[in-house]
Amino acid sequence: MAPGPLSLIIIGIVALLIFGPKKLPELGKAFGSSLREFKNATKGLADDDDDDKPAKKNDLDKKDEHK
């Protein structure tokens, strides 16, 4: 269940009261860069898995040829 617009506004107001207007943009930038780095790392892991699958298939094909 996704949060509604009223919930997001309340969360924004509470964050503004806790961290202040000067610190909030810095926190948003840090969160965005962390999220981007995590996304790139998980994409790299998925790409590595895709690269391994054809190699395993080729190894199996080579074993079948030797029989």
Protein backbone atom coordinates (compact mmCIF):
# COMPACT_ATOMS: atom_id res chain seq x y z
CA MET A 1 0.00 0.00 0.00
CA ALA A 2 1.57 3.26 -1.15
CA PRO A 3 1.53 6.31 1.10
CA GLY A 4 -0.96 8.97 0.10
CA PRO A 5 -0.19 12.61 -0.66
CA LEU A 6 -1.20 13.72 2.84
CA SER A 7 1.20 11.22 4.41
CA LEU A 8 4.07 12.47 2.23
CA ILE A 9 3.33 16.08 3.20
CA ILE A 10 3.33 15.19 6.90
CA ILE A 11 6.62 13.28 6.52
CA GLY A 12 8.13 16.29 4.72
CA ILE A 13 7.04 18.69 7.44
CA VAL A 14 8.42 16.45 10.19
CA ALA A 15 11.74 16.09 8.33
CA LEU A 16 11.90 19.86 7.90
CA LEU A 17 11.31 20.40 11.62
CA ILE A 18 13.89 17.80 12.64
CA PHE A 19 16.73 18.63 10.24
CA GLY A 20 16.02 22.25 9.35
CA PRO A 21 15.85 23.96 5.96
CA LYS A 22 19.62 24.21 5.52
CA LYS A 23 20.42 20.55 6.17
CA LEU A 24 17.53 19.00 4.20
CA PRO A 25 18.99 19.57 0.67
CA GLU A 26 22.30 18.06 1.76
CA LEU A 27 20.51 14.97 3.09
CA GLY A 28 18.55 14.64 -0.15
CA LYS A 29 21.73 14.85 -2.22
CA ALA A 30 23.48 12.26 -0.05
CA PHE A 31 20.47 9.93 -0.27
CA GLY A 32 20.32 10.32 -4.06
CA SER A 33 24.00 9.55 -4.54
CA SER A 34 23.77 6.53 -2.24
CA LEU A 35 20.76 5.24 -4.15
CA ARG A 36 22.56 5.75 -7.48
CA GLU A 37 25.63 3.88 -6.24
CA PHE A 38 23.47 1.00 -4.96
CA LYS A 39 21.63 0.81 -8.28
CA ASN A 40 24.91 0.69 -10.24
CA ALA A 41 26.30 -2.02 -7.94
CA THR A 42 23.22 -4.21 -8.28
CA LYS A 43 23.20 -3.70 -12.04
CA GLY A 44 26.83 -4.82 -12.14
CA LEU A 45 25.96 -7.97 -10.19
CA ALA A 46 23.10 -8.75 -12.57
CA ASP A 47 25.40 -8.23 -15.57
CA ASP A 48 27.96 -10.60 -14.03
CA ASP A 49 25.28 -13.27 -13.62
CA ASP A 50 24.24 -12.85 -17.26
CA ASP A 51 27.85 -13.23 -18.39
CA ASP A 52 28.28 -16.47 -16.41
CA LYS A 53 25.25 -18.25 -17.87
CA PRO A 54 26.49 -18.54 -21.48
CA ALA A 55 29.92 -19.66 -20.26
CA LYS A 56 28.36 -22.50 -18.28
CA LYS A 57 26.29 -23.52 -21.27
CA ASN A 58 29.38 -23.55 -23.51
CA ASP A 59 31.20 -25.72 -20.97
CA LEU A 60 28.33 -28.20 -21.05
CA ASP A 61 28.34 -28.22 -24.86
CA LYS A 62 32.07 -28.97 -24.88
CA LYS A 63 31.59 -31.86 -22.45
CA ASP A 64 28.88 -33.33 -24.72
CA GLU A 65 31.19 -33.12 -27.75
CA HIS A 66 33.88 -35.19 -25.99
CA LYS A 67 31.50 -38.09 -25.31
